[in-house]
Protein backbone atom coordinates (compact mmCIF):
# COMPACT_ATOMS: atom_id res chain seq x y z
CA MET A 1 -15.42 -36.11 9.04
CA LYS A 2 -13.77 -33.25 7.16
CA THR A 3 -10.61 -33.93 5.20
CA ARG A 4 -7.76 -31.49 5.57
CA PRO A 5 -6.68 -29.83 2.30
CA LYS A 6 -3.45 -31.33 1.05
CA LYS A 7 -0.22 -29.53 0.40
CA ASN A 8 1.12 -29.39 -3.13
CA PRO A 9 3.67 -32.25 -3.46
CA ALA A 10 5.53 -30.23 -6.10
CA PHE A 11 6.86 -28.05 -3.28
CA LYS A 12 8.54 -30.79 -1.23
CA LEU A 13 11.72 -29.22 0.14
CA LYS A 14 15.12 -30.80 0.56
CA SER A 15 16.18 -28.51 3.39
CA GLU A 16 14.93 -25.72 5.65
CA THR A 17 18.01 -23.49 5.42
CA PHE A 18 18.59 -21.20 2.45
CA LEU A 19 19.88 -17.67 1.94
CA PRO A 20 21.15 -15.40 4.74
CA THR A 21 18.99 -12.56 5.97
CA LYS A 22 20.16 -9.36 4.23
CA GLU A 23 17.27 -7.45 2.70
CA ARG A 24 15.22 -4.68 4.29
CA ARG A 25 12.26 -6.55 5.67
CA HIS A 26 8.56 -6.01 6.10
CA ARG A 27 6.02 -8.31 7.71
CA TYR A 28 2.54 -9.56 6.89
CA GLY A 29 0.43 -12.68 6.97
CA THR A 30 -2.58 -14.51 5.64
CA GLY A 31 -3.00 -16.49 8.84
CA ASP A 32 -3.41 -15.34 12.42
CA HIS A 33 0.12 -16.46 13.36
CA ILE A 34 1.91 -15.86 10.07
CA THR A 35 3.81 -12.70 9.30
CA CYS A 36 4.94 -10.81 6.19
CA VAL A 37 8.12 -9.00 5.44
CA THR A 38 7.34 -6.78 2.48
CA ASP A 39 5.82 -3.84 4.08
CA THR A 40 6.69 -3.46 7.65
CA LYS A 41 9.00 -4.33 10.32
CA GLY A 42 7.39 -6.79 12.67
CA TYR A 43 4.42 -4.96 14.10
CA THR A 44 1.00 -6.53 14.50
CA GLN A 45 -2.33 -4.93 13.70
CA PRO A 46 -3.76 -2.76 16.51
CA GLU A 47 -6.94 -4.43 17.68
CA ASP A 48 -8.68 -1.31 18.97
CA ARG A 49 -8.92 0.55 15.67
CA ASP A 50 -11.31 0.12 12.76
CA LEU A 51 -9.02 0.31 9.75
CA LYS A 52 -10.68 1.67 6.63
CA GLU A 53 -7.87 3.15 4.58
CA ILE A 54 -5.80 2.17 1.58
CA ARG A 55 -2.20 3.33 1.81
CA VAL A 56 0.73 3.80 -0.55
CA ASP A 57 4.43 3.96 0.32
CA ALA A 58 6.10 7.34 0.90
CA THR A 59 9.21 6.25 2.82
CA ASN A 60 11.68 8.09 0.57
CA GLY A 61 9.81 11.37 0.28
CA HIS A 62 7.81 10.38 -2.78
CA ILE A 63 5.17 7.81 -3.70
CA PRO A 64 6.64 5.17 -6.03
CA LEU A 65 4.28 3.80 -8.67
CA TRP A 66 4.79 2.20 -12.06
CA ASP A 67 4.57 4.15 -15.30
CA LYS A 68 2.03 3.19 -17.93
CA ASN A 69 2.68 0.15 -20.18
CA VAL A 70 5.36 -1.37 -17.96
CA THR A 71 6.29 -5.05 -18.27
CA LEU A 72 8.35 -6.59 -15.49
CA ASN A 73 10.72 -9.27 -16.72
CA TRP A 74 11.36 -11.95 -14.13
CA ARG A 75 13.27 -15.17 -13.74
CA PHE A 76 13.94 -17.78 -11.10
CA ASN A 77 17.11 -17.35 -9.12
CA ARG A 78 19.59 -20.02 -10.19
CA SER A 79 19.39 -21.80 -6.85
CA PHE A 80 15.57 -21.84 -6.63
CA GLY A 81 14.98 -25.31 -8.07
CA ASP A 82 17.89 -26.81 -6.15
CA GLN A 83 15.99 -26.50 -2.88
CA PHE A 84 13.26 -28.98 -3.90
CA ASP A 85 13.11 -32.70 -4.53
CA ASP A 86 11.82 -31.89 -8.02
CA GLY A 87 13.03 -28.47 -9.09
CA ASP A 88 11.13 -28.41 -12.38
CA ALA A 89 7.85 -29.30 -10.65
CA ALA A 90 8.43 -26.61 -8.04
CA LYS A 91 9.05 -23.98 -10.73
CA ALA A 92 5.90 -25.05 -12.56
CA GLY A 93 3.95 -24.77 -9.32
CA MET A 94 5.37 -21.31 -8.64
CA ARG A 95 4.51 -20.15 -12.17
CA ASP A 96 0.96 -21.35 -11.59
CA LEU A 97 0.68 -19.47 -8.28
CA LEU A 98 2.00 -16.26 -9.83
CA GLY A 99 -0.34 -16.58 -12.81
CA ARG A 100 -3.39 -17.15 -10.64
CA ALA A 101 -2.43 -14.29 -8.35
CA LEU A 102 -2.26 -11.95 -11.34
CA GLU A 103 -5.62 -13.24 -12.53
CA ALA A 104 -7.04 -12.48 -9.09
CA TRP A 105 -6.05 -8.82 -9.42
CA SER A 106 -7.52 -8.95 -12.98
CA ASP A 107 -7.66 -5.64 -14.85
CA ALA A 108 -6.55 -3.70 -11.77
CA CYS A 109 -3.04 -5.06 -12.26
CA PRO A 110 -1.00 -2.03 -13.39
CA VAL A 111 1.91 -3.96 -14.94
CA LYS A 112 2.47 -7.06 -17.05
CA PHE A 113 4.84 -9.90 -16.17
CA ARG A 114 7.07 -11.91 -18.50
CA GLU A 115 9.44 -14.75 -17.63
CA VAL A 116 12.88 -14.34 -19.26
CA ARG A 117 16.37 -15.81 -19.09
CA ASP A 118 18.24 -12.51 -19.43
CA GLY A 119 17.39 -8.86 -18.93
CA HIS A 120 15.36 -9.50 -15.79
CA ASP A 121 13.84 -6.85 -13.54
CA PHE A 122 13.38 -9.14 -10.56
CA GLU A 123 14.03 -12.70 -9.45
CA ILE A 124 12.00 -15.24 -7.53
CA ALA A 125 14.31 -16.72 -4.93
CA MET A 126 14.26 -18.86 -1.82
CA HIS A 127 15.04 -17.54 1.65
CA ARG A 128 15.91 -19.38 4.81
CA ARG A 129 13.17 -20.13 7.35
CA ASP A 130 12.33 -17.16 9.59
CA CYS A 131 10.07 -17.61 12.61
CA ASP A 132 9.71 -15.81 15.93
CA ALA A 133 7.11 -15.34 18.66
CA ASP A 134 4.79 -13.52 16.24
CA GLY A 135 4.80 -16.32 13.67
CA CYS A 136 6.63 -17.33 10.50
CA VAL A 137 7.41 -15.22 7.47
CA LEU A 138 5.96 -16.52 4.21
CA ALA A 139 7.31 -14.11 1.60
CA SER A 140 8.83 -10.68 0.98
CA ALA A 141 8.75 -8.51 -2.12
CA PHE A 142 9.61 -4.94 -3.17
CA PHE A 143 8.05 -1.61 -4.04
CA PRO A 144 8.27 0.13 -7.43
CA GLY A 145 11.69 1.60 -8.08
CA GLU A 146 13.59 -0.34 -5.43
CA ALA A 147 17.08 -1.41 -6.51
CA ASP A 148 16.97 -4.82 -4.85
CA ARG A 149 14.05 -6.41 -6.65
CA ILE A 150 13.63 -9.92 -5.35
CA LEU A 151 10.47 -11.83 -4.53
CA TYR A 152 11.65 -14.07 -1.71
CA ILE A 153 9.66 -17.18 -0.83
CA TYR A 154 10.26 -18.64 2.64
CA PRO A 155 10.08 -22.39 3.36
CA THR A 156 7.03 -21.98 5.61
CA MET A 157 4.91 -20.87 2.65
CA PHE A 158 5.34 -24.27 1.04
CA GLU A 159 3.92 -25.88 4.16
CA GLN A 160 0.66 -23.96 3.77
CA ILE A 161 -2.36 -25.24 1.89
CA GLU A 162 -2.95 -24.02 -1.63
CA HIS A 163 -5.35 -21.13 -1.01
CA GLU A 164 -3.02 -19.73 1.67
CA GLN A 165 -0.11 -19.86 -0.75
CA LEU A 166 -2.17 -18.04 -3.37
CA ALA A 167 -3.26 -15.37 -0.88
CA THR A 168 0.39 -14.83 0.05
CA ILE A 169 1.41 -14.11 -3.55
CA VAL A 170 -1.66 -11.89 -4.13
CA HIS A 171 -0.66 -9.87 -1.05
CA GLU A 172 2.96 -9.57 -2.16
CA LEU A 173 1.86 -8.36 -5.59
CA GLY A 174 -0.01 -5.59 -3.80
CA HIS A 175 3.33 -4.40 -2.43
CA VAL A 176 4.93 -4.70 -5.88
CA PHE A 177 2.15 -2.41 -7.15
CA GLY A 178 3.06 0.14 -4.45
CA LEU A 179 0.55 -0.64 -1.71
CA ARG A 180 1.30 -0.57 2.00
CA HIS A 181 -0.53 -2.26 4.85
CA PHE A 182 -3.82 -0.68 5.90
CA PHE A 183 -2.40 0.01 9.36
CA ALA A 184 0.87 1.53 8.14
CA ASN A 185 0.08 4.89 9.71
CA LEU A 186 -0.59 3.30 13.09
CA SER A 187 2.15 0.77 13.77
CA GLU A 188 4.63 1.54 10.99
CA LYS A 189 4.94 5.29 11.44
CA GLN A 190 8.70 5.40 10.98
CA TRP A 191 8.14 4.39 7.35
CA LYS A 192 5.97 7.13 5.92
CA SER A 193 2.80 6.32 3.96
CA GLN A 194 -0.07 8.29 2.46
CA LEU A 195 -3.79 7.63 2.31
CA PHE A 196 -5.58 7.13 -0.99
CA GLY A 197 -9.28 6.28 -1.07
CA LYS A 198 -11.16 4.27 1.51
CA SER A 199 -12.17 0.66 1.90
CA LYS A 200 -13.23 -1.86 4.50
CA ALA A 201 -10.82 -3.43 6.97
CA THR A 202 -11.18 -6.69 5.06
CA SER A 203 -8.46 -6.32 2.45
CA ILE A 204 -5.63 -8.36 1.00
CA MET A 205 -3.30 -5.70 2.44
CA ASN A 206 -4.47 -6.46 5.97
CA TYR A 207 -3.43 -9.20 8.40
CA GLY A 208 -4.95 -12.45 9.60
CA SER A 209 -8.57 -13.37 9.00
CA LYS A 210 -9.23 -9.98 7.37
CA SER A 211 -6.59 -10.56 4.71
CA LYS A 212 -8.77 -11.20 1.66
CA LEU A 213 -8.76 -9.69 -1.82
CA THR A 214 -11.93 -7.66 -2.31
CA ALA A 215 -13.61 -5.81 -5.15
CA LEU A 216 -12.76 -2.57 -3.33
CA ASP A 217 -9.08 -3.47 -3.28
CA LYS A 218 -9.14 -3.80 -7.05
CA ARG A 219 -11.33 -0.75 -7.58
CA ASP A 220 -9.09 1.56 -5.55
CA LEU A 221 -5.88 0.28 -7.15
CA LYS A 222 -7.31 0.63 -10.64
CA ARG A 223 -8.57 4.14 -9.89
CA LEU A 224 -5.23 5.18 -8.37
CA TYR A 225 -3.25 4.22 -11.44
CA ALA A 226 -5.81 5.61 -13.87
CA MET A 227 -5.61 9.01 -12.18
CA VAL A 228 -1.80 8.94 -12.09
CA TRP A 229 -1.41 7.89 -15.71
CA SER A 230 -3.86 10.54 -16.92
CA GLY A 231 -1.95 13.25 -15.09
CA GLU A 232 -4.94 14.03 -12.88
CA LEU A 233 -3.08 12.91 -9.76
CA THR A 234 0.54 14.02 -9.26
CA GLU A 235 0.70 14.07 -5.47
CA ILE A 236 -1.17 12.74 -2.45
CA ASN A 237 -1.46 14.96 0.62
CA GLY A 238 1.54 16.98 -0.59
CA THR A 239 3.78 13.98 -1.29
CA PRO A 240 4.76 13.84 -4.98
CA ILE A 241 4.19 10.71 -7.04
CA LYS A 242 7.18 9.33 -8.93
CA ARG A 243 6.56 6.98 -11.85
CA TYR A 244 9.03 4.22 -12.57
CA LYS A 245 9.78 2.16 -15.63
CA ALA A 246 11.11 -1.39 -15.52
CA ARG A 247 14.89 -1.63 -15.27
CA HIS A 248 15.22 -3.41 -18.62
CA MET A 249 13.32 -0.55 -20.29
């Protein structure tokens, strides 16, 4: 008899209701009935297309990426720990998830992260539960350069087992680095994206069972930033690349 993986007790919640829904939302998921809100707007992956493309955001007429040698200062939103039975344990667990997610991206990670009290570039905050017929949202993040830089964690994520929680944060970091969903040009056309490189449909920026971090994910991201930072790549398919520094810089 197989034993079901246990949830992390550090993330035991006091309540299911948190912040009101305000931010521009995007959806995704690591499970077949779990959705994301950092890249898109509620569309599911078309099942009749073989998706083999890596995409970057171009919603605002340019492709936002980070400049070289950027460190993103972050902190917990003041109310984050208040939502758990043990706020300190929950923060420690979240730090561990973020650290392991960064390790998963390894040297492809284009920015560094540093926890601070003041001078932050983004916050990690709780959001209220959000579920519909397509599933439940786990997290939402931001793209480079966005003014509202918050990594929201939804209560449903803390009900997932550990490897699903880790995959969620790895996926959201992909958005923070500037990546869109692989199917952005198919079901998210109203938010413009551009193609860079090619990969297999199995990618951390995909949905469901195909949402897994691969060596090709890391290779393409590392190559993208290397070409941008060297000045070799200044536009993609006619859309200019804009490099951003951290707000505190």
